[in-house]
Amino acid sequence: RHIDRAACDFHGVPLWAFNAIKAGEDFIKPDGSVVANTLLTREPGPA
């Protein structure tokens, strides 16, 4: 999936988490709240 950099910056996603997010994982903030992957990425082009 394609990283939405503006959304990741807004939610404070660190660079080290980008690979997992591109692979489809959600992001868990330090306070335990979950940011859905679909809010942080865009659909990749079809294979």
All heavy atoms as atom14 arrays in JSON, in Angstrom:
{
  "sequence": "RHIDRAACDFHGVPLWAFNAIKAGEDFIKPDGSVVANTLLTREPGPA",
  "atom14_mask": [
    [1, 1, 1, 1, 1, 1, 1, 1, 1, 1, 1, 0, 0, 0],
    [1, 1, 1, 1, 1, 1, 1, 1, 1, 1, 0, 0, 0, 0],
    [1, 1, 1, 1, 1, 1, 1, 1, 0, 0, 0, 0, 0, 0],
    [1, 1, 1, 1, 1, 1, 1, 1, 0, 0, 0, 0, 0, 0],
    [1, 1, 1, 1, 1, 1, 1, 1, 1, 1, 1, 0, 0, 0],
    [1, 1, 1, 1, 1, 0, 0, 0, 0, 0, 0, 0, 0, 0],
    [1, 1, 1, 1, 1, 0, 0, 0, 0, 0, 0, 0, 0, 0],
    [1, 1, 1, 1, 1, 1, 0, 0, 0, 0, 0, 0, 0, 0],
    [1, 1, 1, 1, 1, 1, 1, 1, 0, 0, 0, 0, 0, 0],
    [1, 1, 1, 1, 1, 1, 1, 1, 1, 1, 1, 0, 0, 0],
    [1, 1, 1, 1, 1, 1, 1, 1, 1, 1, 0, 0, 0, 0],
    [1, 1, 1, 1, 0, 0, 0, 0, 0, 0, 0, 0, 0, 0],
    [1, 1, 1, 1, 1, 1, 1, 0, 0, 0, 0, 0, 0, 0],
    [1, 1, 1, 1, 1, 1, 1, 0, 0, 0, 0, 0, 0, 0],
    [1, 1, 1, 1, 1, 1, 1, 1, 0, 0, 0, 0, 0, 0],
    [1, 1, 1, 1, 1, 1, 1, 1, 1, 1, 1, 1, 1, 1],
    [1, 1, 1, 1, 1, 0, 0, 0, 0, 0, 0, 0, 0, 0],
    [1, 1, 1, 1, 1, 1, 1, 1, 1, 1, 1, 0, 0, 0],
    [1, 1, 1, 1, 1, 1, 1, 1, 0, 0, 0, 0, 0, 0],
    [1, 1, 1, 1, 1, 0, 0, 0, 0, 0, 0, 0, 0, 0],
    [1, 1, 1, 1, 1, 1, 1, 1, 0, 0, 0, 0, 0, 0],
    [1, 1, 1, 1, 1, 1, 1, 1, 1, 0, 0, 0, 0, 0],
    [1, 1, 1, 1, 1, 0, 0, 0, 0, 0, 0, 0, 0, 0],
    [1, 1, 1, 1, 0, 0, 0, 0, 0, 0, 0, 0, 0, 0],
    [1, 1, 1, 1, 1, 1, 1, 1, 1, 0, 0, 0, 0, 0],
    [1, 1, 1, 1, 1, 1, 1, 1, 0, 0, 0, 0, 0, 0],
    [1, 1, 1, 1, 1, 1, 1, 1, 1, 1, 1, 0, 0, 0],
    [1, 1, 1, 1, 1, 1, 1, 1, 0, 0, 0, 0, 0, 0],
    [1, 1, 1, 1, 1, 1, 1, 1, 1, 0, 0, 0, 0, 0],
    [1, 1, 1, 1, 1, 1, 1, 0, 0, 0, 0, 0, 0, 0],
    [1, 1, 1, 1, 1, 1, 1, 1, 0, 0, 0, 0, 0, 0],
    [1, 1, 1, 1, 0, 0, 0, 0, 0, 0, 0, 0, 0, 0],
    [1, 1, 1, 1, 1, 1, 0, 0, 0, 0, 0, 0, 0, 0],
    [1, 1, 1, 1, 1, 1, 1, 0, 0, 0, 0, 0, 0, 0],
    [1, 1, 1, 1, 1, 1, 1, 0, 0, 0, 0, 0, 0, 0],
    [1, 1, 1, 1, 1, 0, 0, 0, 0, 0, 0, 0, 0, 0],
    [1, 1, 1, 1, 1, 1, 1, 1, 0, 0, 0, 0, 0, 0],
    [1, 1, 1, 1, 1, 1, 1, 0, 0, 0, 0, 0, 0, 0],
    [1, 1, 1, 1, 1, 1, 1, 1, 0, 0, 0, 0, 0, 0],
    [1, 1, 1, 1, 1, 1, 1, 1, 0, 0, 0, 0, 0, 0],
    [1, 1, 1, 1, 1, 1, 1, 0, 0, 0, 0, 0, 0, 0],
    [1, 1, 1, 1, 1, 1, 1, 1, 1, 1, 1, 0, 0, 0],
    [1, 1, 1, 1, 1, 1, 1, 1, 1, 0, 0, 0, 0, 0],
    [1, 1, 1, 1, 1, 1, 1, 0, 0, 0, 0, 0, 0, 0],
    [1, 1, 1, 1, 0, 0, 0, 0, 0, 0, 0, 0, 0, 0],
    [1, 1, 1, 1, 1, 1, 1, 0, 0, 0, 0, 0, 0, 0],
    [1, 1, 1, 1, 1, 0, 0, 0, 0, 0, 0, 0, 0, 0]
  ],
  "atom14_positions": [
    [[0.84, -1.19, 0.0], [0.0, 0.0, 0.0], [0.88, 1.25, 0.0], [2.04, 1.23, 0.43], [-0.92, 0.0, 1.22], [-1.93, -1.15, 1.21], [-2.85, -1.11, 2.41], [-3.72, 0.06, 2.39], [-4.87, 0.14, 1.72], [-5.28, -0.9, 1.0], [-5.61, 1.23, 1.76], [0.0, 0.0, 0.0], [0.0, 0.0, 0.0], [0.0, 0.0, 0.0]],
    [[0.32, 2.36, -0.49], [1.05, 3.63, -0.55], [0.84, 4.42, 0.73], [-0.29, 4.59, 1.2], [0.59, 4.46, -1.75], [0.82, 3.81, -3.08], [2.08, 3.46, -3.52], [-0.04, 3.44, -4.06], [1.97, 2.91, -4.72], [0.7, 2.89, -5.06], [0.0, 0.0, 0.0], [0.0, 0.0, 0.0], [0.0, 0.0, 0.0], [0.0, 0.0, 0.0]],
    [[1.94, 4.9, 1.28], [1.87, 5.72, 2.49], [1.27, 7.08, 2.18], [1.64, 7.75, 1.21], [3.29, 5.91, 3.09], [3.81, 4.6, 3.69], [3.32, 7.03, 4.12], [3.12, 4.2, 4.97], [0.0, 0.0, 0.0], [0.0, 0.0, 0.0], [0.0, 0.0, 0.0], [0.0, 0.0, 0.0], [0.0, 0.0, 0.0], [0.0, 0.0, 0.0]],
    [[0.3, 7.5, 3.01], [-0.21, 8.87, 2.97], [0.6, 9.66, 3.99], [0.33, 9.62, 5.19], [-1.71, 8.87, 3.33], [-2.33, 10.26, 3.2], [-1.61, 11.26, 3.42], [-3.54, 10.33, 2.91], [0.0, 0.0, 0.0], [0.0, 0.0, 0.0], [0.0, 0.0, 0.0], [0.0, 0.0, 0.0], [0.0, 0.0, 0.0], [0.0, 0.0, 0.0]],
    [[1.61, 10.36, 3.51], [2.58, 10.97, 4.42], [1.92, 12.02, 5.32], [2.24, 12.12, 6.51], [3.72, 11.6, 3.62], [4.88, 12.09, 4.48], [5.44, 10.97, 5.34], [6.42, 11.43, 6.29], [7.73, 11.42, 6.08], [8.21, 10.93, 4.95], [8.56, 11.87, 7.0], [0.0, 0.0, 0.0], [0.0, 0.0, 0.0], [0.0, 0.0, 0.0]],
    [[0.99, 12.78, 4.76], [0.34, 13.81, 5.58], [-0.45, 13.17, 6.72], [-0.41, 13.65, 7.87], [-0.59, 14.66, 4.71], [0.0, 0.0, 0.0], [0.0, 0.0, 0.0], [0.0, 0.0, 0.0], [0.0, 0.0, 0.0], [0.0, 0.0, 0.0], [0.0, 0.0, 0.0], [0.0, 0.0, 0.0], [0.0, 0.0, 0.0], [0.0, 0.0, 0.0]],
    [[-1.15, 12.08, 6.43], [-1.93, 11.4, 7.48], [-1.0, 10.79, 8.52], [-1.29, 10.84, 9.73], [-2.81, 10.33, 6.85], [0.0, 0.0, 0.0], [0.0, 0.0, 0.0], [0.0, 0.0, 0.0], [0.0, 0.0, 0.0], [0.0, 0.0, 0.0], [0.0, 0.0, 0.0], [0.0, 0.0, 0.0], [0.0, 0.0, 0.0], [0.0, 0.0, 0.0]],
    [[0.11, 10.22, 8.07], [1.06, 9.63, 9.02], [1.69, 10.7, 9.92], [1.85, 10.49, 11.13], [2.14, 8.86, 8.26], [1.57, 7.3, 7.57], [0.0, 0.0, 0.0], [0.0, 0.0, 0.0], [0.0, 0.0, 0.0], [0.0, 0.0, 0.0], [0.0, 0.0, 0.0], [0.0, 0.0, 0.0], [0.0, 0.0, 0.0], [0.0, 0.0, 0.0]],
    [[2.01, 11.83, 9.34], [2.57, 12.92, 10.15], [1.54, 13.41, 11.17], [1.87, 13.69, 12.32], [3.02, 14.06, 9.24], [4.27, 13.72, 8.44], [4.92, 12.71, 8.78], [4.57, 14.45, 7.48], [0.0, 0.0, 0.0], [0.0, 0.0, 0.0], [0.0, 0.0, 0.0], [0.0, 0.0, 0.0], [0.0, 0.0, 0.0], [0.0, 0.0, 0.0]],
    [[0.29, 13.5, 10.75], [-0.76, 13.98, 11.63], [-0.92, 13.06, 12.85], [-1.13, 13.52, 13.98], [-2.08, 14.06, 10.86], [-3.25, 14.46, 11.71], [-3.48, 15.8, 12.03], [-4.14, 13.51, 12.21], [-4.56, 16.18, 12.83], [-5.22, 13.88, 13.01], [-5.43, 15.22, 13.31], [0.0, 0.0, 0.0], [0.0, 0.0, 0.0], [0.0, 0.0, 0.0]],
    [[-0.8, 11.76, 12.61], [-0.98, 10.79, 13.69], [0.33, 10.43, 14.39], [0.35, 9.55, 15.26], [-1.65, 9.52, 13.16], [-3.1, 9.72, 12.81], [-4.08, 9.81, 13.76], [-3.72, 9.84, 11.6], [-5.27, 9.98, 13.16], [-5.07, 9.99, 11.85], [0.0, 0.0, 0.0], [0.0, 0.0, 0.0], [0.0, 0.0, 0.0], [0.0, 0.0, 0.0]],
    [[1.41, 11.09, 14.0], [2.68, 10.87, 14.67], [3.31, 9.51, 14.42], [3.96, 8.94, 15.31], [0.0, 0.0, 0.0], [0.0, 0.0, 0.0], [0.0, 0.0, 0.0], [0.0, 0.0, 0.0], [0.0, 0.0, 0.0], [0.0, 0.0, 0.0], [0.0, 0.0, 0.0], [0.0, 0.0, 0.0], [0.0, 0.0, 0.0], [0.0, 0.0, 0.0]],
    [[3.12, 8.98, 13.22], [3.69, 7.67, 12.9], [5.2, 7.82, 12.64], [5.6, 8.6, 11.77], [3.02, 7.07, 11.64], [3.64, 5.72, 11.31], [1.52, 6.93, 11.86], [0.0, 0.0, 0.0], [0.0, 0.0, 0.0], [0.0, 0.0, 0.0], [0.0, 0.0, 0.0], [0.0, 0.0, 0.0], [0.0, 0.0, 0.0], [0.0, 0.0, 0.0]],
    [[6.04, 7.1, 13.36], [7.49, 7.2, 13.14], [7.91, 6.47, 11.86], [7.23, 5.55, 11.4], [8.08, 6.52, 14.37], [7.03, 5.55, 14.8], [5.71, 6.19, 14.48], [0.0, 0.0, 0.0], [0.0, 0.0, 0.0], [0.0, 0.0, 0.0], [0.0, 0.0, 0.0], [0.0, 0.0, 0.0], [0.0, 0.0, 0.0], [0.0, 0.0, 0.0]],
    [[9.04, 6.86, 11.31], [9.51, 6.27, 10.05], [9.71, 4.76, 10.17], [9.46, 4.01, 9.22], [10.82, 6.93, 9.62], [10.73, 8.37, 9.11], [12.11, 8.92, 8.83], [9.87, 8.44, 7.85], [0.0, 0.0, 0.0], [0.0, 0.0, 0.0], [0.0, 0.0, 0.0], [0.0, 0.0, 0.0], [0.0, 0.0, 0.0], [0.0, 0.0, 0.0]],
    [[10.14, 4.29, 11.36], [10.43, 2.86, 11.5], [9.17, 2.0, 11.35], [9.27, 0.79, 11.11], [11.12, 2.56, 12.83], [10.36, 2.97, 14.07], [10.58, 4.1, 14.81], [9.3, 2.27, 14.72], [9.71, 4.15, 15.88], [8.92, 3.04, 15.84], [8.63, 1.08, 14.46], [7.89, 2.65, 16.71], [7.61, 0.68, 15.32], [7.24, 1.45, 16.42]],
    [[7.99, 2.61, 11.48], [6.73, 1.85, 11.38], [6.18, 1.81, 9.95], [5.21, 1.09, 9.69], [5.69, 2.45, 12.31], [0.0, 0.0, 0.0], [0.0, 0.0, 0.0], [0.0, 0.0, 0.0], [0.0, 0.0, 0.0], [0.0, 0.0, 0.0], [0.0, 0.0, 0.0], [0.0, 0.0, 0.0], [0.0, 0.0, 0.0], [0.0, 0.0, 0.0]],
    [[6.81, 2.54, 9.02], [6.24, 2.65, 7.68], [6.16, 1.3, 6.95], [5.18, 1.02, 6.27], [7.06, 3.65, 6.85], [6.69, 5.09, 7.09], [5.95, 5.47, 8.21], [7.07, 6.08, 6.19], [5.62, 6.79, 8.43], [6.73, 7.4, 6.4], [6.01, 7.76, 7.52], [0.0, 0.0, 0.0], [0.0, 0.0, 0.0], [0.0, 0.0, 0.0]],
    [[7.18, 0.48, 7.06], [7.17, -0.8, 6.33], [6.0, -1.68, 6.77], [5.32, -2.29, 5.94], [8.48, -1.54, 6.53], [9.6, -0.94, 5.7], [9.36, -0.23, 4.72], [10.84, -1.22, 6.08], [0.0, 0.0, 0.0], [0.0, 0.0, 0.0], [0.0, 0.0, 0.0], [0.0, 0.0, 0.0], [0.0, 0.0, 0.0], [0.0, 0.0, 0.0]],
    [[5.74, -1.73, 8.07], [4.63, -2.54, 8.57], [3.29, -1.96, 8.11], [2.36, -2.7, 7.77], [4.68, -2.61, 10.09], [0.0, 0.0, 0.0], [0.0, 0.0, 0.0], [0.0, 0.0, 0.0], [0.0, 0.0, 0.0], [0.0, 0.0, 0.0], [0.0, 0.0, 0.0], [0.0, 0.0, 0.0], [0.0, 0.0, 0.0], [0.0, 0.0, 0.0]],
    [[3.2, -0.65, 8.08], [1.96, 0.0, 7.64], [1.74, -0.23, 6.15], [0.61, -0.52, 5.71], [2.0, 1.5, 8.0], [1.89, 1.65, 9.52], [0.87, 2.26, 7.31], [2.16, 3.03, 10.02], [0.0, 0.0, 0.0], [0.0, 0.0, 0.0], [0.0, 0.0, 0.0], [0.0, 0.0, 0.0], [0.0, 0.0, 0.0], [0.0, 0.0, 0.0]],
    [[2.8, -0.14, 5.35], [2.66, -0.42, 3.92], [2.22, -1.86, 3.68], [1.52, -2.16, 2.71], [3.98, -0.14, 3.2], [4.28, 1.33, 3.03], [5.39, 1.58, 2.03], [6.73, 1.17, 2.58], [7.83, 1.55, 1.64], [0.0, 0.0, 0.0], [0.0, 0.0, 0.0], [0.0, 0.0, 0.0], [0.0, 0.0, 0.0], [0.0, 0.0, 0.0]],
    [[2.59, -2.75, 4.6], [2.21, -4.16, 4.48], [0.79, -4.41, 4.97], [0.29, -5.54, 4.87], [3.18, -5.03, 5.25], [0.0, 0.0, 0.0], [0.0, 0.0, 0.0], [0.0, 0.0, 0.0], [0.0, 0.0, 0.0], [0.0, 0.0, 0.0], [0.0, 0.0, 0.0], [0.0, 0.0, 0.0], [0.0, 0.0, 0.0], [0.0, 0.0, 0.0]],
    [[0.12, -3.37, 5.52], [-1.28, -3.49, 5.9], [-1.59, -3.41, 7.37], [-2.76, -3.52, 7.77], [0.0, 0.0, 0.0], [0.0, 0.0, 0.0], [0.0, 0.0, 0.0], [0.0, 0.0, 0.0], [0.0, 0.0, 0.0], [0.0, 0.0, 0.0], [0.0, 0.0, 0.0], [0.0, 0.0, 0.0], [0.0, 0.0, 0.0], [0.0, 0.0, 0.0]],
    [[-0.59, -3.21, 8.22], [-0.84, -3.17, 9.66], [-1.43, -1.83, 10.09], [-1.14, -0.78, 9.5], [0.45, -3.43, 10.43], [0.98, -4.85, 10.29], [2.17, -5.12, 11.19], [2.4, -4.31, 12.13], [2.86, -6.13, 10.97], [0.0, 0.0, 0.0], [0.0, 0.0, 0.0], [0.0, 0.0, 0.0], [0.0, 0.0, 0.0], [0.0, 0.0, 0.0]],
    [[-2.26, -1.85, 11.13], [-2.72, -0.62, 11.76], [-1.58, -0.04, 12.6], [-0.56, -0.69, 12.85], [-3.93, -0.9, 12.67], [-5.13, -1.43, 11.89], [-5.25, -1.1, 10.69], [-5.92, -2.19, 12.49], [0.0, 0.0, 0.0], [0.0, 0.0, 0.0], [0.0, 0.0, 0.0], [0.0, 0.0, 0.0], [0.0, 0.0, 0.0], [0.0, 0.0, 0.0]],
    [[-1.76, 1.22, 13.04], [-0.75, 1.85, 13.9], [-1.33, 2.03, 15.3], [-2.44, 2.54, 15.46], [-0.34, 3.21, 13.33], [0.62, 3.95, 14.22], [1.87, 3.43, 14.52], [0.26, 5.18, 14.78], [2.75, 4.11, 15.35], [1.14, 5.87, 15.6], [2.39, 5.34, 15.89], [0.0, 0.0, 0.0], [0.0, 0.0, 0.0], [0.0, 0.0, 0.0]],
    [[-0.58, 1.56, 16.28], [-1.0, 1.71, 17.68], [-0.21, 2.85, 18.3], [1.03, 2.8, 18.38], [-0.77, 0.4, 18.47], [-1.54, -0.75, 17.8], [-1.23, 0.58, 19.92], [-1.29, -2.1, 18.44], [0.0, 0.0, 0.0], [0.0, 0.0, 0.0], [0.0, 0.0, 0.0], [0.0, 0.0, 0.0], [0.0, 0.0, 0.0], [0.0, 0.0, 0.0]],
    [[-0.91, 3.88, 18.74], [-0.27, 5.03, 19.35], [0.21, 4.68, 20.76], [-0.22, 3.69, 21.37], [-1.27, 6.2, 19.41], [-1.61, 6.79, 18.05], [-2.49, 8.03, 18.23], [-2.72, 8.73, 16.9], [-3.5, 9.99, 17.04], [0.0, 0.0, 0.0], [0.0, 0.0, 0.0], [0.0, 0.0, 0.0], [0.0, 0.0, 0.0], [0.0, 0.0, 0.0]],
    [[1.11, 5.52, 21.32], [1.61, 5.27, 22.67], [0.5, 5.19, 23.72], [0.65, 4.49, 24.73], [2.52, 6.47, 22.93], [3.01, 6.86, 21.57], [1.83, 6.63, 20.67], [0.0, 0.0, 0.0], [0.0, 0.0, 0.0], [0.0, 0.0, 0.0], [0.0, 0.0, 0.0], [0.0, 0.0, 0.0], [0.0, 0.0, 0.0], [0.0, 0.0, 0.0]],
    [[-0.63, 5.88, 23.49], [-1.72, 5.83, 24.46], [-2.62, 4.6, 24.27], [-3.63, 4.43, 24.96], [-2.56, 7.11, 24.4], [-3.28, 7.29, 23.06], [-3.19, 6.39, 22.19], [-3.91, 8.35, 22.88], [0.0, 0.0, 0.0], [0.0, 0.0, 0.0], [0.0, 0.0, 0.0], [0.0, 0.0, 0.0], [0.0, 0.0, 0.0], [0.0, 0.0, 0.0]],
    [[-2.28, 3.74, 23.31], [-3.04, 2.52, 23.08], [-4.14, 2.64, 22.05], [-4.74, 1.63, 21.67], [0.0, 0.0, 0.0], [0.0, 0.0, 0.0], [0.0, 0.0, 0.0], [0.0, 0.0, 0.0], [0.0, 0.0, 0.0], [0.0, 0.0, 0.0], [0.0, 0.0, 0.0], [0.0, 0.0, 0.0], [0.0, 0.0, 0.0], [0.0, 0.0, 0.0]],
    [[-4.42, 3.83, 21.58], [-5.46, 4.0, 20.56], [-4.94, 3.49, 19.21], [-3.74, 3.54, 18.93], [-5.88, 5.47, 20.44], [-4.77, 6.29, 20.1], [0.0, 0.0, 0.0], [0.0, 0.0, 0.0], [0.0, 0.0, 0.0], [0.0, 0.0, 0.0], [0.0, 0.0, 0.0], [0.0, 0.0, 0.0], [0.0, 0.0, 0.0], [0.0, 0.0, 0.0]],
    [[-5.86, 2.99, 18.4], [-5.5, 2.37, 17.13], [-5.94, 3.25, 15.96], [-7.09, 3.7, 15.92], [-6.15, 0.97, 16.99], [-5.82, 0.35, 15.62], [-5.67, 0.06, 18.11], [0.0, 0.0, 0.0], [0.0, 0.0, 0.0], [0.0, 0.0, 0.0], [0.0, 0.0, 0.0], [0.0, 0.0, 0.0], [0.0, 0.0, 0.0], [0.0, 0.0, 0.0]],
    [[-5.0, 3.5, 15.05], [-5.31, 4.23, 13.82], [-5.4, 3.2, 12.69], [-4.43, 2.49, 12.41], [-4.23, 5.28, 13.49], [-4.64, 6.05, 12.23], [-4.02, 6.22, 14.66], [0.0, 0.0, 0.0], [0.0, 0.0, 0.0], [0.0, 0.0, 0.0], [0.0, 0.0, 0.0], [0.0, 0.0, 0.0], [0.0, 0.0, 0.0], [0.0, 0.0, 0.0]],
    [[-6.56, 3.1, 12.07], [-6.78, 2.1, 11.03], [-5.83, 2.33, 9.85], [-5.54, 3.46, 9.47], [-8.22, 2.14, 10.55], [0.0, 0.0, 0.0], [0.0, 0.0, 0.0], [0.0, 0.0, 0.0], [0.0, 0.0, 0.0], [0.0, 0.0, 0.0], [0.0, 0.0, 0.0], [0.0, 0.0, 0.0], [0.0, 0.0, 0.0], [0.0, 0.0, 0.0]],
    [[-5.37, 1.23, 9.28], [-4.44, 1.31, 8.16], [-5.01, 2.1, 6.99], [-4.28, 2.83, 6.31], [-4.08, -0.12, 7.7], [-3.04, -0.12, 6.61], [-3.35, -0.07, 5.42], [-1.77, -0.18, 7.0], [0.0, 0.0, 0.0], [0.0, 0.0, 0.0], [0.0, 0.0, 0.0], [0.0, 0.0, 0.0], [0.0, 0.0, 0.0], [0.0, 0.0, 0.0]],
    [[-6.32, 1.98, 6.79], [-6.93, 2.68, 5.64], [-6.87, 4.19, 5.79], [-7.02, 4.92, 4.79], [-8.4, 2.25, 5.48], [-9.09, 2.41, 6.73], [-8.47, 0.8, 5.03], [0.0, 0.0, 0.0], [0.0, 0.0, 0.0], [0.0, 0.0, 0.0], [0.0, 0.0, 0.0], [0.0, 0.0, 0.0], [0.0, 0.0, 0.0], [0.0, 0.0, 0.0]],
    [[-6.66, 4.69, 7.01], [-6.52, 6.14, 7.23], [-5.1, 6.61, 6.94], [-4.87, 7.82, 6.78], [-6.9, 6.5, 8.67], [-8.35, 6.23, 9.08], [-8.55, 6.57, 10.55], [-9.31, 7.03, 8.2], [0.0, 0.0, 0.0], [0.0, 0.0, 0.0], [0.0, 0.0, 0.0], [0.0, 0.0, 0.0], [0.0, 0.0, 0.0], [0.0, 0.0, 0.0]],
    [[-4.16, 5.68, 6.88], [-2.74, 6.04, 6.75], [-2.17, 5.7, 5.38], [-1.04, 6.1, 5.07], [-1.93, 5.31, 7.82], [-2.34, 5.55, 9.27], [-1.58, 4.62, 10.19], [-2.1, 7.01, 9.66], [0.0, 0.0, 0.0], [0.0, 0.0, 0.0], [0.0, 0.0, 0.0], [0.0, 0.0, 0.0], [0.0, 0.0, 0.0], [0.0, 0.0, 0.0]],
    [[-2.93, 4.98, 4.58], [-2.4, 4.5, 3.29], [-3.45, 4.65, 2.2], [-4.63, 4.89, 2.46], [-2.0, 3.02, 3.37], [-3.17, 2.24, 3.7], [-0.91, 2.79, 4.41], [0.0, 0.0, 0.0], [0.0, 0.0, 0.0], [0.0, 0.0, 0.0], [0.0, 0.0, 0.0], [0.0, 0.0, 0.0], [0.0, 0.0, 0.0], [0.0, 0.0, 0.0]],
    [[-2.97, 4.5, 0.98], [-3.84, 4.46, -0.2], [-3.67, 3.11, -0.89], [-2.63, 2.46, -0.76], [-3.5, 5.59, -1.18], [-3.63, 6.98, -0.59], [-3.44, 8.05, -1.67], [-2.17, 7.88, -2.39], [-1.01, 8.34, -1.96], [-0.93, 9.0, -0.81], [0.1, 8.15, -2.68], [0.0, 0.0, 0.0], [0.0, 0.0, 0.0], [0.0, 0.0, 0.0]],
    [[-4.7, 2.73, -1.63], [-4.64, 1.45, -2.35], [-3.46, 1.45, -3.33], [-3.2, 2.44, -4.01], [-5.93, 1.23, -3.15], [-7.14, 0.92, -2.31], [-7.15, -0.53, -1.84], [-6.33, -1.33, -2.34], [-7.97, -0.85, -0.97], [0.0, 0.0, 0.0], [0.0, 0.0, 0.0], [0.0, 0.0, 0.0], [0.0, 0.0, 0.0], [0.0, 0.0, 0.0]],
    [[-2.74, 0.33, -3.42], [-1.69, 0.23, -4.45], [-2.33, 0.02, -5.81], [-3.49, -0.36, -5.92], [-0.91, -1.01, -4.02], [-1.93, -1.86, -3.35], [-2.87, -0.9, -2.63], [0.0, 0.0, 0.0], [0.0, 0.0, 0.0], [0.0, 0.0, 0.0], [0.0, 0.0, 0.0], [0.0, 0.0, 0.0], [0.0, 0.0, 0.0], [0.0, 0.0, 0.0]],
    [[-1.58, 0.3, -6.86], [-2.08, 0.0, -8.19], [-2.2, -1.5, -8.36], [-1.56, -2.28, -7.66], [0.0, 0.0, 0.0], [0.0, 0.0, 0.0], [0.0, 0.0, 0.0], [0.0, 0.0, 0.0], [0.0, 0.0, 0.0], [0.0, 0.0, 0.0], [0.0, 0.0, 0.0], [0.0, 0.0, 0.0], [0.0, 0.0, 0.0], [0.0, 0.0, 0.0]],
    [[-3.05, -1.95, -9.27], [-3.21, -3.39, -9.49], [-1.94, -4.02, -10.04], [-1.16, -3.38, -10.76], [-4.35, -3.47, -10.52], [-4.35, -2.14, -11.2], [-3.89, -1.14, -10.17], [0.0, 0.0, 0.0], [0.0, 0.0, 0.0], [0.0, 0.0, 0.0], [0.0, 0.0, 0.0], [0.0, 0.0, 0.0], [0.0, 0.0, 0.0], [0.0, 0.0, 0.0]],
    [[-1.69, -5.26, -9.67], [-0.54, -6.0, -10.2], [-0.73, -6.23, -11.69], [-1.84, -6.44, -12.17], [-0.39, -7.33, -9.46], [0.0, 0.0, 0.0], [0.0, 0.0, 0.0], [0.0, 0.0, 0.0], [0.0, 0.0, 0.0], [0.0, 0.0, 0.0], [0.0, 0.0, 0.0], [0.0, 0.0, 0.0], [0.0, 0.0, 0.0], [0.0, 0.0, 0.0]]
  ]
}
